[in-house]
Amino acid sequence: MIPPFRAYLFDVDGTLVDSATDICGTIQQVLRAYGREDVSDELLRRYIGRHLDDLFTDLGFPQDALPKMLADYRAIYTASGHVNTSVYPGVSETLSRLSGLKSTATTKGTPTTRVILEKFGLIQYFNHVQGTDGFPAKPEPDVILKSLAVFGISPEECLMIGDAPSDIEAGHRAGVRTCAVRYGYGDLAAMARFNPDFWIDHPSELTAV
């Protein structure tokens, strides 16, 4: 049973929306333009929630190529219209019932995050929208600390909800409680190594007090 918190911070991809098809498809377009057609969607899914620089570096691309590759990804992803993305069952209902302040804590930039939330009718449930804007991405705690500062609350009053090891690690670094979701893209064994405070199989469990 998850107790109520004063604030809830949500990862987006794999937690609020199922966006893997659009994300992986966009990455594949970028990789093909740079001569790589041998990378599976299965591998790409493991990087959802991490900064794309990590992926491109692990695939052997030089550092001076990364800014252009990232810019290409963002342009294609924005233009795609997110036609293959959908809200996970129970997310809207849970957000509408969940008392307390709500924000995002995502590797996406804030403008892109707002577009996603608006497109899928989720923006109305959020008091603040926070993406990764010019500071280190998760597992660094910066994106969480930004929302805490906006809300003016202590880490102990906040729950971070996400589907990836980086979400749980970032939560611990920020000093907040953490909730791992099993329905997203994350490696469950890797998340377990960071000892989440709670686990859920469905968003509605957040309000099952």
C-alpha atoms as a PDB file:
ATOM      1  CA  MET A   1       0.000   0.000   0.000  1.00  0.00           C
ATOM      2  CA  ILE A   2       1.439   3.371  -1.064  1.00  0.00           C
ATOM      3  CA  PRO A   3       0.767   6.212   1.391  1.00  0.00           C
ATOM      4  CA  PRO A   4      -0.215   9.669   0.108  1.00  0.00           C
ATOM      5  CA  PHE A   5       2.535  12.148  -0.722  1.00  0.00           C
ATOM      6  CA  ARG A   6       2.497  15.898  -1.023  1.00  0.00           C
ATOM      7  CA  ALA A   7       3.986  15.714  -4.527  1.00  0.00           C
ATOM      8  CA  TYR A   8       4.362  13.134  -7.288  1.00  0.00           C
ATOM      9  CA  LEU A   9       6.966  13.285 -10.057  1.00  0.00           C
ATOM     10  CA  PHE A  10       6.412  11.160 -13.153  1.00  0.00           C
ATOM     11  CA  ASP A  11       8.752   9.895 -15.797  1.00  0.00           C
ATOM     12  CA  VAL A  12       6.967  10.128 -19.158  1.00  0.00           C
ATOM     13  CA  ASP A  13       8.085   7.464 -21.666  1.00  0.00           C
ATOM     14  CA  GLY A  14       7.232   4.006 -20.358  1.00  0.00           C
ATOM     15  CA  THR A  15       5.384   5.444 -17.353  1.00  0.00           C
ATOM     16  CA  LEU A  16       2.649   7.768 -18.633  1.00  0.00           C
ATOM     17  CA  VAL A  17       2.748   6.950 -22.347  1.00  0.00           C
ATOM     18  CA  ASP A  18       3.746   4.002 -24.506  1.00  0.00           C
ATOM     19  CA  SER A  19       5.986   5.812 -26.974  1.00  0.00           C
ATOM     20  CA  ALA A  20       8.584   3.183 -27.839  1.00  0.00           C
ATOM     21  CA  THR A  21       7.465   2.754 -31.460  1.00  0.00           C
ATOM     22  CA  ASP A  22       7.826   6.458 -32.212  1.00  0.00           C
ATOM     23  CA  ILE A  23      11.092   6.825 -30.285  1.00  0.00           C
ATOM     24  CA  CYS A  24      12.751   3.751 -31.769  1.00  0.00           C
ATOM     25  CA  GLY A  25      11.503   4.567 -35.270  1.00  0.00           C
ATOM     26  CA  THR A  26      12.972   8.053 -35.058  1.00  0.00           C
ATOM     27  CA  ILE A  27      16.306   6.769 -33.764  1.00  0.00           C
ATOM     28  CA  GLN A  28      16.411   4.234 -36.598  1.00  0.00           C
ATOM     29  CA  GLN A  29      15.955   7.032 -39.143  1.00  0.00           C
ATOM     30  CA  VAL A  30      18.881   8.912 -37.646  1.00  0.00           C
ATOM     31  CA  LEU A  31      21.068   5.823 -37.506  1.00  0.00           C
ATOM     32  CA  ARG A  32      20.338   4.937 -41.133  1.00  0.00           C
ATOM     33  CA  ALA A  33      21.373   8.444 -42.179  1.00  0.00           C
ATOM     34  CA  TYR A  34      24.706   7.803 -40.470  1.00  0.00           C
ATOM     35  CA  GLY A  35      25.234   4.389 -42.028  1.00  0.00           C
ATOM     36  CA  ARG A  36      23.923   2.093 -39.296  1.00  0.00           C
ATOM     37  CA  GLU A  37      21.165  -0.350 -40.180  1.00  0.00           C
ATOM     38  CA  ASP A  38      22.159  -3.118 -37.785  1.00  0.00           C
ATOM     39  CA  VAL A  39      20.690  -1.835 -34.502  1.00  0.00           C
ATOM     40  CA  SER A  40      17.600  -3.627 -33.208  1.00  0.00           C
ATOM     41  CA  ASP A  41      14.575  -1.982 -31.619  1.00  0.00           C
ATOM     42  CA  GLU A  42      15.097  -4.335 -28.678  1.00  0.00           C
ATOM     43  CA  LEU A  43      18.446  -2.684 -27.977  1.00  0.00           C
ATOM     44  CA  LEU A  44      17.036   0.812 -28.458  1.00  0.00           C
ATOM     45  CA  ARG A  45      14.249   0.197 -25.938  1.00  0.00           C
ATOM     46  CA  ARG A  46      16.869  -0.342 -23.248  1.00  0.00           C
ATOM     47  CA  TYR A  47      18.035   3.240 -23.732  1.00  0.00           C
ATOM     48  CA  ILE A  48      14.606   4.872 -23.436  1.00  0.00           C
ATOM     49  CA  GLY A  49      14.799   7.245 -20.486  1.00  0.00           C
ATOM     50  CA  ARG A  50      18.537   7.798 -20.913  1.00  0.00           C
ATOM     51  CA  HIS A  51      20.156  10.620 -22.848  1.00  0.00           C
ATOM     52  CA  LEU A  52      20.639   9.747 -26.519  1.00  0.00           C
ATOM     53  CA  ASP A  53      24.298  10.719 -26.247  1.00  0.00           C
ATOM     54  CA  ASP A  54      24.747   7.531 -24.200  1.00  0.00           C
ATOM     55  CA  LEU A  55      23.321   5.419 -27.023  1.00  0.00           C
ATOM     56  CA  PHE A  56      25.238   7.101 -29.810  1.00  0.00           C
ATOM     57  CA  THR A  57      28.482   6.908 -27.822  1.00  0.00           C
ATOM     58  CA  ASP A  58      27.966   3.213 -27.035  1.00  0.00           C
ATOM     59  CA  LEU A  59      27.387   2.586 -30.736  1.00  0.00           C
ATOM     60  CA  GLY A  60      30.799   4.058 -31.479  1.00  0.00           C
ATOM     61  CA  PHE A  61      29.919   7.457 -32.937  1.00  0.00           C
ATOM     62  CA  PRO A  62      32.514  10.204 -32.316  1.00  0.00           C
ATOM     63  CA  GLN A  63      31.714  12.952 -29.833  1.00  0.00           C
ATOM     64  CA  ASP A  64      31.751  15.668 -32.487  1.00  0.00           C
ATOM     65  CA  ALA A  65      28.902  13.894 -34.335  1.00  0.00           C
ATOM     66  CA  LEU A  66      26.555  13.771 -31.343  1.00  0.00           C
ATOM     67  CA  PRO A  67      25.120  17.324 -31.396  1.00  0.00           C
ATOM     68  CA  LYS A  68      24.009  16.973 -35.035  1.00  0.00           C
ATOM     69  CA  MET A  69      22.602  13.483 -34.444  1.00  0.00           C
ATOM     70  CA  LEU A  70      20.637  14.720 -31.441  1.00  0.00           C
ATOM     71  CA  ALA A  71      19.322  17.714 -33.394  1.00  0.00           C
ATOM     72  CA  ASP A  72      18.267  15.419 -36.240  1.00  0.00           C
ATOM     73  CA  TYR A  73      16.453  13.148 -33.784  1.00  0.00           C
ATOM     74  CA  ARG A  74      14.566  16.033 -32.189  1.00  0.00           C
ATOM     75  CA  ALA A  75      13.507  17.474 -35.542  1.00  0.00           C
ATOM     76  CA  ILE A  76      12.211  14.146 -36.837  1.00  0.00           C
ATOM     77  CA  TYR A  77      10.547  13.210 -33.545  1.00  0.00           C
ATOM     78  CA  THR A  78       8.757  16.552 -33.278  1.00  0.00           C
ATOM     79  CA  ALA A  79       7.538  16.375 -36.877  1.00  0.00           C
ATOM     80  CA  SER A  80       6.286  12.807 -36.498  1.00  0.00           C
ATOM     81  CA  GLY A  81       3.118  13.828 -34.679  1.00  0.00           C
ATOM     82  CA  HIS A  82       3.501  10.977 -32.163  1.00  0.00           C
ATOM     83  CA  VAL A  83       0.997   8.913 -34.169  1.00  0.00           C
ATOM     84  CA  ASN A  84       2.133   5.605 -32.662  1.00  0.00           C
ATOM     85  CA  THR A  85       2.149   6.832 -29.047  1.00  0.00           C
ATOM     86  CA  SER A  86      -0.685   6.132 -26.618  1.00  0.00           C
ATOM     87  CA  VAL A  87      -1.495   6.719 -22.959  1.00  0.00           C
ATOM     88  CA  TYR A  88      -1.166   3.638 -20.781  1.00  0.00           C
ATOM     89  CA  PRO A  89      -4.505   2.299 -19.488  1.00  0.00           C
ATOM     90  CA  GLY A  90      -5.425   3.829 -16.153  1.00  0.00           C
ATOM     91  CA  VAL A  91      -3.053   6.798 -16.341  1.00  0.00           C
ATOM     92  CA  SER A  92      -5.672   9.503 -16.936  1.00  0.00           C
ATOM     93  CA  GLU A  93      -7.999   8.130 -14.289  1.00  0.00           C
ATOM     94  CA  THR A  94      -5.204   7.849 -11.761  1.00  0.00           C
ATOM     95  CA  LEU A  95      -3.927  11.383 -12.372  1.00  0.00           C
ATOM     96  CA  SER A  96      -7.439  12.766 -11.995  1.00  0.00           C
ATOM     97  CA  ARG A  97      -7.893  11.046  -8.619  1.00  0.00           C
ATOM     98  CA  LEU A  98      -4.391  11.564  -7.245  1.00  0.00           C
ATOM     99  CA  SER A  99      -4.327  14.383  -4.739  1.00  0.00           C
ATOM    100  CA  GLY A 100      -1.136  16.349  -4.288  1.00  0.00           C
ATOM    101  CA  LEU A 101       1.136  18.346  -6.552  1.00  0.00           C
ATOM    102  CA  LYS A 102       2.186  16.694  -9.811  1.00  0.00           C
ATOM    103  CA  SER A 103       5.127  17.300 -12.131  1.00  0.00           C
ATOM    104  CA  THR A 104       7.185  15.423 -14.691  1.00  0.00           C
ATOM    105  CA  ALA A 105      10.787  14.275 -14.388  1.00  0.00           C
ATOM    106  CA  THR A 106      11.776  13.226 -17.885  1.00  0.00           C
ATOM    107  CA  THR A 107      14.825  13.176 -20.123  1.00  0.00           C
ATOM    108  CA  LYS A 108      12.749  14.930 -22.794  1.00  0.00           C
ATOM    109  CA  GLY A 109      13.059  18.712 -22.943  1.00  0.00           C
ATOM    110  CA  THR A 110      10.256  20.689 -21.327  1.00  0.00           C
ATOM    111  CA  PRO A 111       8.745  21.976 -24.628  1.00  0.00           C
ATOM    112  CA  THR A 112       8.490  18.449 -26.071  1.00  0.00           C
ATOM    113  CA  THR A 113       7.064  17.163 -22.796  1.00  0.00           C
ATOM    114  CA  ARG A 114       4.350  19.827 -22.882  1.00  0.00           C
ATOM    115  CA  VAL A 115       3.441  18.864 -26.461  1.00  0.00           C
ATOM    116  CA  ILE A 116       3.031  15.218 -25.432  1.00  0.00           C
ATOM    117  CA  LEU A 117       0.934  16.028 -22.361  1.00  0.00           C
ATOM    118  CA  GLU A 118      -1.267  18.414 -24.336  1.00  0.00           C
ATOM    119  CA  LYS A 119      -1.757  16.018 -27.237  1.00  0.00           C
ATOM    120  CA  PHE A 120      -2.930  13.227 -24.975  1.00  0.00           C
ATOM    121  CA  GLY A 121      -5.041  15.330 -22.621  1.00  0.00           C
ATOM    122  CA  LEU A 122      -2.784  14.930 -19.592  1.00  0.00           C
ATOM    123  CA  ILE A 123      -1.559  18.514 -19.164  1.00  0.00           C
ATOM    124  CA  GLN A 124      -4.644  19.424 -17.100  1.00  0.00           C
ATOM    125  CA  TYR A 125      -3.500  17.172 -14.276  1.00  0.00           C
ATOM    126  CA  PHE A 126      -0.045  18.723 -13.832  1.00  0.00           C
ATOM    127  CA  ASN A 127       0.873  21.672 -11.660  1.00  0.00           C
ATOM    128  CA  HIS A 128       4.282  21.910 -13.334  1.00  0.00           C
ATOM    129  CA  VAL A 129       6.067  20.384 -16.313  1.00  0.00           C
ATOM    130  CA  GLN A 130       9.799  19.773 -15.973  1.00  0.00           C
ATOM    131  CA  GLY A 131      12.073  18.308 -18.606  1.00  0.00           C
ATOM    132  CA  THR A 132      15.839  18.079 -18.907  1.00  0.00           C
ATOM    133  CA  ASP A 133      16.844  21.541 -20.102  1.00  0.00           C
ATOM    134  CA  GLY A 134      20.573  22.220 -20.276  1.00  0.00           C
ATOM    135  CA  PHE A 135      21.537  20.183 -17.224  1.00  0.00           C
ATOM    136  CA  PRO A 136      22.597  16.546 -16.708  1.00  0.00           C
ATOM    137  CA  ALA A 137      19.996  13.877 -17.418  1.00  0.00           C
ATOM    138  CA  LYS A 138      18.903  11.114 -15.078  1.00  0.00           C
ATOM    139  CA  PRO A 139      20.387   9.279 -13.196  1.00  0.00           C
ATOM    140  CA  GLU A 140      21.622  12.696 -12.068  1.00  0.00           C
ATOM    141  CA  PRO A 141      18.978  14.179  -9.743  1.00  0.00           C
ATOM    142  CA  ASP A 142      18.733  17.637 -11.341  1.00  0.00           C
ATOM    143  CA  VAL A 143      15.347  17.222 -13.052  1.00  0.00           C
ATOM    144  CA  ILE A 144      13.806  16.089  -9.755  1.00  0.00           C
ATOM    145  CA  LEU A 145      15.428  18.861  -7.728  1.00  0.00           C
ATOM    146  CA  LYS A 146      14.037  21.451 -10.167  1.00  0.00           C
ATOM    147  CA  SER A 147      10.450  20.438  -9.408  1.00  0.00           C
ATOM    148  CA  LEU A 148      11.116  20.274  -5.682  1.00  0.00           C
ATOM    149  CA  ALA A 149      12.382  23.847  -5.838  1.00  0.00           C
ATOM    150  CA  VAL A 150       9.338  25.006  -7.827  1.00  0.00           C
ATOM    151  CA  PHE A 151       6.985  23.366  -5.329  1.00  0.00           C
ATOM    152  CA  GLY A 152       8.997  24.504  -2.334  1.00  0.00           C
ATOM    153  CA  ILE A 153       8.835  21.101  -0.660  1.00  0.00           C
ATOM    154  CA  SER A 154      11.329  18.738   0.931  1.00  0.00           C
ATOM    155  CA  PRO A 155      12.442  15.487  -0.739  1.00  0.00           C
ATOM    156  CA  GLU A 156      10.739  13.445   1.990  1.00  0.00           C
ATOM    157  CA  GLU A 157       7.356  14.773   0.821  1.00  0.00           C
ATOM    158  CA  CYS A 158       7.788  13.521  -2.753  1.00  0.00           C
ATOM    159  CA  LEU A 159       7.406  10.252  -4.668  1.00  0.00           C
ATOM    160  CA  MET A 160       9.234   9.652  -7.975  1.00  0.00           C
ATOM    161  CA  ILE A 161       7.485   7.200 -10.326  1.00  0.00           C
ATOM    162  CA  GLY A 162       9.351   5.663 -13.258  1.00  0.00           C
ATOM    163  CA  ASP A 163      10.061   2.542 -15.287  1.00  0.00           C
ATOM    164  CA  ALA A 164      13.846   2.694 -15.627  1.00  0.00           C
ATOM    165  CA  PRO A 165      16.861   2.161 -13.357  1.00  0.00           C
ATOM    166  CA  SER A 166      17.866   5.776 -14.038  1.00  0.00           C
ATOM    167  CA  ASP A 167      14.546   6.953 -12.551  1.00  0.00           C
ATOM    168  CA  ILE A 168      15.099   5.039  -9.336  1.00  0.00           C
ATOM    169  CA  GLU A 169      18.760   6.018  -9.048  1.00  0.00           C
ATOM    170  CA  ALA A 170      17.927   9.686  -9.670  1.00  0.00           C
ATOM    171  CA  GLY A 171      15.224   9.505  -7.015  1.00  0.00           C
ATOM    172  CA  HIS A 172      17.641   8.123  -4.461  1.00  0.00           C
ATOM    173  CA  ARG A 173      20.203  10.786  -5.323  1.00  0.00           C
ATOM    174  CA  ALA A 174      17.553  13.459  -4.825  1.00  0.00           C
ATOM    175  CA  GLY A 175      16.467  11.974  -1.504  1.00  0.00           C
ATOM    176  CA  VAL A 176      12.870  11.261  -2.575  1.00  0.00           C
ATOM    177  CA  ARG A 177      10.903   8.030  -2.216  1.00  0.00           C
ATOM    178  CA  THR A 178      10.706   5.942  -5.383  1.00  0.00           C
ATOM    179  CA  CYS A 179       8.112   3.800  -7.119  1.00  0.00           C
ATOM    180  CA  ALA A 180       9.093   1.418  -9.922  1.00  0.00           C
ATOM    181  CA  VAL A 181       6.503   0.472 -12.551  1.00  0.00           C
ATOM    182  CA  ARG A 182       6.628  -3.003 -14.040  1.00  0.00           C
ATOM    183  CA  TYR A 183       4.610  -2.236 -17.197  1.00  0.00           C
ATOM    184  CA  GLY A 184       7.189   0.030 -18.911  1.00  0.00           C
ATOM    185  CA  TYR A 185      10.431  -0.618 -20.777  1.00  0.00           C
ATOM    186  CA  GLY A 186      12.883  -0.864 -17.902  1.00  0.00           C
ATOM    187  CA  ASP A 187      15.008  -3.818 -16.873  1.00  0.00           C
ATOM    188  CA  LEU A 188      13.233  -5.029 -13.723  1.00  0.00           C
ATOM    189  CA  ALA A 189      16.317  -6.714 -12.290  1.00  0.00           C
ATOM    190  CA  ALA A 190      18.370  -3.557 -12.831  1.00  0.00           C
ATOM    191  CA  MET A 191      15.691  -1.450 -11.135  1.00  0.00           C
ATOM    192  CA  ALA A 192      15.556  -3.850  -8.217  1.00  0.00           C
ATOM    193  CA  ARG A 193      19.257  -3.277  -7.565  1.00  0.00           C
ATOM    194  CA  PHE A 194      18.378   0.315  -6.616  1.00  0.00           C
ATOM    195  CA  ASN A 195      15.791  -0.885  -4.076  1.00  0.00           C
ATOM    196  CA  PRO A 196      12.661   1.081  -5.025  1.00  0.00           C
ATOM    197  CA  ASP A 197      10.440   1.884  -2.063  1.00  0.00           C
ATOM    198  CA  PHE A 198       7.377   0.644  -3.960  1.00  0.00           C
ATOM    199  CA  TRP A 199       6.488  -1.403  -7.044  1.00  0.00           C
ATOM    200  CA  ILE A 200       3.288  -1.185  -9.099  1.00  0.00           C
ATOM    201  CA  ASP A 201       1.832  -3.188 -11.992  1.00  0.00           C
ATOM    202  CA  HIS A 202      -0.858  -0.627 -12.875  1.00  0.00           C
ATOM    203  CA  PRO A 203      -1.138   3.159 -12.382  1.00  0.00           C
ATOM    204  CA  SER A 204      -4.278   2.757 -10.262  1.00  0.00           C
ATOM    205  CA  GLU A 205      -2.166   1.294  -7.472  1.00  0.00           C
ATOM    206  CA  LEU A 206      -0.933   4.811  -6.735  1.00  0.00           C
ATOM    207  CA  THR A 207      -4.380   5.727  -5.461  1.00  0.00           C
ATOM    208  CA  ALA A 208      -5.254   2.421  -3.782  1.00  0.00           C
ATOM    209  CA  VAL A 209      -4.881   3.769  -0.242  1.00  0.00           C
END
